[in-house]
Structures are given as structure tokens and as C-alpha cells.
Amino acid sequence: MAEQIPEVVFVLGPPGAGKGTQCLKLSEEFNACHLSAGELLRSEIINDGPDGQLIKSIISKGNIVPSTITVGLISRAMANCKETKFLIDGFPRNMENIEAWVKVVGNKADVKFMLFLDCEDDVCIERILKRNEGRCDDTPDIIRHRIKVYKDSTLEVIEKYRTESKLKVVNASQTVDEVYAAAKKYFQELN
């Protein structure tokens, strides 16, 4: 019997758009493994992994971690999941991420589409400040910088998936349930 190729949906949106919240709900309903690029990076810091200090230095400034590190962490996490469907949130953030993904993962996974949670800046900032997770990058100035870095780096990625007809956009400024109802439709089409 041939091994099943993992199906991947990338989930992108600015900090505070609700990627983690939506991925949790979607992964439960559609039996998918949710991997958060940000959580994998923070875990590497907490567990004092080989790249932990470098990642901490980069993240604390609100900047993007090198693609080779991020893709390596995602690839290892995928290998440790029993599911064959994956929601990868916060990735790819730039064209370098895509190039690293192709180099490391290549045709060992089938990227079905990118779910883009489009959210207004003010809504994102308010949500992040409300959740009060105590993260080193959750101050108003760093949040604004993170949103700017996000926008500057991801526009090209979003356009790439749009031109390939693999971009699914949801207005994430709505309530959690409204966003979920819109996002869920795209996943029902896969099953």
C-alpha cells in the first residue's frame, strides 16, 4: 500500500487575526494536525533547543526567523504527527520561506491552499493586548512593528497563491464564530 502524501493548508494572517483560534477549531473538526510556526519557534526557545538563543534574539525584535530554521522545525513536527492533514499557521511569511519549503519538503506534501485571515490593524492590536500572554513581543510598539513586517513580507506570498488560484480569503475582523463559519466552507470542499 502506498504511503499517503500529507495534505497541507497554510494559514496566514497578521498577528492577532485569530490563526491559532481558527486552526484549533478546524483541526478538531477535520482531524488535522495544527502546527504553529510561532509556537514551534517559541518552544525551541523554552526547551533551549540548538537555535533557541538565536530565535529569541530575532523574535524579541519582531523580526522573521531564517527560513531554514523554521522549515526544519515544521518538517520535524510533521514527522511526529499521526494525522495526514496539516494546518500550518504563520507560514510561509515570505518568498524565502516558500523556497525553503520546496527545498526541504518538496513533493513530500501536497499544499492544497492558503487560508488568508484578513484582519484590520486596530482589531489585531486590540486582540493581542486583550489576550495578555506576557510574550516579550506583545507591547504596542512591537505589535505595530510586527504587523508592518508581516505586511511588508507577506504581500508577495499572498499574491503567489492568488495567481495559482490557491488563496482562500476570510474577513477575520468578524467574530470568532463568523470567521469559523466562513473558513469551514473551504475545508468542507476538501473532504
Protein backbone atom coordinates (compact mmCIF):
# COMPACT_ATOMS: atom_id res chain seq x y z
CA MET A 1 0.00 0.00 0.00
CA ALA A 2 1.39 3.40 -0.99
CA GLU A 3 2.13 5.88 1.76
CA GLN A 4 -0.35 8.75 1.81
CA ILE A 5 1.14 12.13 0.95
CA PRO A 6 0.30 14.67 3.68
CA GLU A 7 -2.18 17.39 2.73
CA VAL A 8 -1.20 20.87 3.90
CA VAL A 9 -3.14 24.08 4.29
CA PHE A 10 -1.09 27.15 5.11
CA VAL A 11 -2.91 29.66 7.34
CA LEU A 12 -1.70 33.22 7.15
CA GLY A 13 -2.88 36.46 8.68
CA PRO A 14 -1.42 39.32 10.66
CA PRO A 15 -0.58 38.90 14.36
CA GLY A 16 -3.89 38.90 16.23
CA ALA A 17 -6.01 37.77 13.25
CA GLY A 18 -7.01 34.60 15.09
CA LYS A 19 -4.87 31.99 13.30
CA GLY A 20 -4.39 29.89 16.42
CA THR A 21 -8.05 30.08 17.44
CA GLN A 22 -9.33 29.12 14.00
CA CYS A 23 -6.73 26.38 13.49
CA LEU A 24 -7.67 24.79 16.81
CA LYS A 25 -11.34 24.64 15.81
CA LEU A 26 -10.59 23.47 12.25
CA SER A 27 -8.09 20.82 13.35
CA GLU A 28 -10.63 19.32 15.77
CA GLU A 29 -13.45 19.16 13.24
CA PHE A 30 -11.37 17.98 10.28
CA ASN A 31 -8.87 15.69 12.11
CA ALA A 32 -5.84 17.71 11.11
CA CYS A 33 -2.59 18.32 12.95
CA HIS A 34 -2.25 22.02 13.79
CA LEU A 35 1.31 23.30 13.69
CA SER A 36 2.01 26.91 14.56
CA ALA A 37 5.29 28.21 13.19
CA GLY A 38 5.39 30.74 16.03
CA GLU A 39 4.72 28.12 18.71
CA LEU A 40 7.39 25.81 17.28
CA LEU A 41 9.88 28.69 17.39
CA ARG A 42 8.90 29.66 20.95
CA SER A 43 9.12 26.02 22.03
CA GLU A 44 12.66 25.87 20.66
CA ILE A 45 13.49 28.86 22.90
CA ILE A 46 11.79 27.44 26.01
CA ASN A 47 13.33 23.99 25.57
CA ASP A 48 16.74 25.58 24.95
CA GLY A 49 17.00 23.89 21.54
CA PRO A 50 20.07 24.30 19.34
CA ASP A 51 18.72 27.51 17.76
CA GLY A 52 16.84 28.79 20.81
CA GLN A 53 19.03 31.79 21.63
CA LEU A 54 19.22 32.96 18.00
CA ILE A 55 15.43 32.64 17.63
CA LYS A 56 14.85 34.55 20.88
CA SER A 57 17.08 37.41 19.73
CA ILE A 58 15.26 37.70 16.40
CA ILE A 59 11.70 37.33 17.75
CA SER A 60 12.22 39.82 20.59
CA LYS A 61 12.82 42.49 17.92
CA GLY A 62 9.69 41.47 15.99
CA ASN A 63 11.67 40.18 13.01
CA ILE A 64 11.38 36.97 10.97
CA VAL A 65 13.49 33.89 11.79
CA PRO A 66 15.58 32.42 8.91
CA SER A 67 13.58 30.05 6.73
CA THR A 68 15.88 27.07 7.12
CA ILE A 69 15.28 27.06 10.88
CA THR A 70 11.51 27.44 10.60
CA VAL A 71 11.07 24.81 7.85
CA GLY A 72 13.29 22.38 9.75
CA LEU A 73 11.12 22.72 12.86
CA ILE A 74 7.91 22.33 10.84
CA SER A 75 9.24 19.29 8.96
CA ARG A 76 10.26 17.55 12.21
CA ALA A 77 6.89 18.33 13.79
CA MET A 78 5.04 16.93 10.76
CA ALA A 79 7.03 13.70 11.01
CA ASN A 80 5.89 13.37 14.64
CA CYS A 81 2.14 13.77 13.90
CA LYS A 82 -0.07 10.76 13.27
CA GLU A 83 -2.51 12.74 11.10
CA THR A 84 -2.02 13.14 7.35
CA LYS A 85 -3.73 16.54 7.16
CA PHE A 86 -1.89 19.61 8.42
CA LEU A 87 -2.82 23.19 9.21
CA ILE A 88 0.38 25.20 9.35
CA ASP A 89 -0.25 28.64 10.73
CA GLY A 90 2.02 31.65 10.42
CA PHE A 91 3.83 30.15 7.44
CA PRO A 92 5.03 30.92 4.76
CA ARG A 93 5.74 34.53 5.66
CA ASN A 94 7.93 35.39 2.68
CA MET A 95 9.23 34.00 -0.62
CA GLU A 96 12.35 32.69 1.11
CA ASN A 97 10.05 30.53 3.29
CA ILE A 98 8.44 29.09 0.16
CA GLU A 99 11.84 28.36 -1.41
CA ALA A 100 13.00 26.61 1.78
CA TRP A 101 9.73 24.64 1.93
CA VAL A 102 10.20 23.45 -1.67
CA LYS A 103 13.82 22.52 -0.97
CA VAL A 104 13.18 20.65 2.31
CA VAL A 105 9.64 19.27 1.85
CA GLY A 106 9.16 19.43 -1.92
CA ASN A 107 6.70 16.87 -3.24
CA LYS A 108 6.57 15.00 0.09
CA ALA A 109 3.46 17.10 0.90
CA ASP A 110 0.55 18.44 -1.14
CA VAL A 111 -0.24 22.10 -0.40
CA LYS A 112 -3.97 22.35 -1.02
CA PHE A 113 -4.42 26.09 -0.46
CA MET A 114 -3.60 29.06 1.72
CA LEU A 115 -6.28 30.33 4.09
CA PHE A 116 -5.72 34.06 4.49
CA LEU A 117 -7.31 35.62 7.58
CA ASP A 118 -7.54 39.26 6.54
CA CYS A 119 -7.91 41.48 9.59
CA GLU A 120 -7.83 45.22 10.27
CA ASP A 121 -4.75 46.50 12.14
CA ASP A 122 -6.74 48.07 15.01
CA VAL A 123 -8.64 44.81 15.58
CA CYS A 124 -5.37 42.85 15.65
CA ILE A 125 -3.72 45.21 18.13
CA GLU A 126 -6.78 45.18 20.41
CA ARG A 127 -6.94 41.37 20.38
CA ILE A 128 -3.24 40.95 21.16
CA LEU A 129 -3.35 43.40 24.07
CA LYS A 130 -6.52 41.71 25.41
CA ARG A 131 -5.08 38.20 25.35
CA ASN A 132 -2.19 39.39 27.58
CA GLU A 133 0.01 36.32 27.16
CA GLY A 134 3.02 38.09 28.61
CA ARG A 135 5.09 37.48 25.49
CA CYS A 136 8.17 39.64 25.04
CA ASP A 137 6.84 40.84 21.68
CA ASP A 138 3.35 41.85 22.89
CA THR A 139 3.96 45.54 23.54
CA PRO A 140 2.06 48.14 21.46
CA ASP A 141 5.19 49.36 19.63
CA ILE A 142 6.44 45.87 18.84
CA ILE A 143 2.93 44.77 17.80
CA ARG A 144 2.77 47.65 15.29
CA HIS A 145 6.26 46.69 14.05
CA ARG A 146 5.22 43.02 13.76
CA ILE A 147 2.17 43.98 11.69
CA LYS A 148 4.32 46.18 9.44
CA VAL A 149 6.94 43.42 9.00
CA TYR A 150 4.12 40.95 8.32
CA LYS A 151 2.58 43.19 5.63
CA ASP A 152 5.93 44.03 4.01
CA SER A 153 6.99 40.39 3.80
CA THR A 154 3.76 38.53 3.02
CA LEU A 155 2.21 40.53 0.18
CA GLU A 156 4.26 38.66 -2.42
CA VAL A 157 3.35 35.29 -0.86
CA ILE A 158 -0.36 36.11 -0.84
CA GLU A 159 -0.20 37.19 -4.48
CA LYS A 160 1.63 33.98 -5.42
CA TYR A 161 -1.19 31.83 -4.02
CA ARG A 162 -3.81 34.14 -5.57
CA THR A 163 -2.28 33.72 -9.05
CA GLU A 164 -2.19 29.93 -8.54
CA SER A 165 -5.91 30.00 -7.55
CA LYS A 166 -4.93 28.57 -4.16
CA LEU A 167 -5.83 31.58 -1.99
CA LYS A 168 -8.96 31.48 0.19
CA VAL A 169 -9.68 34.79 1.95
CA VAL A 170 -11.79 35.24 5.10
CA ASN A 171 -12.60 38.55 6.78
CA ALA A 172 -11.07 37.90 10.20
CA SER A 173 -12.27 41.20 11.72
CA GLN A 174 -15.57 39.42 12.42
CA THR A 175 -16.45 37.35 15.49
CA VAL A 176 -14.73 34.00 16.09
CA ASP A 177 -17.87 32.10 15.04
CA GLU A 178 -18.38 34.16 11.88
CA VAL A 179 -14.75 33.65 10.84
CA TYR A 180 -15.02 29.93 11.56
CA ALA A 181 -18.21 29.55 9.50
CA ALA A 182 -16.50 31.19 6.52
CA ALA A 183 -13.24 29.23 6.88
CA LYS A 184 -15.00 25.91 7.45
CA LYS A 185 -16.58 26.03 3.98
CA TYR A 186 -13.17 25.79 2.32
CA PHE A 187 -12.28 22.71 4.36
CA GLN A 188 -15.58 21.02 3.60
CA GLU A 189 -14.70 21.32 -0.09
CA LEU A 190 -11.56 19.22 0.55
CA ASN A 191 -13.46 16.30 2.10
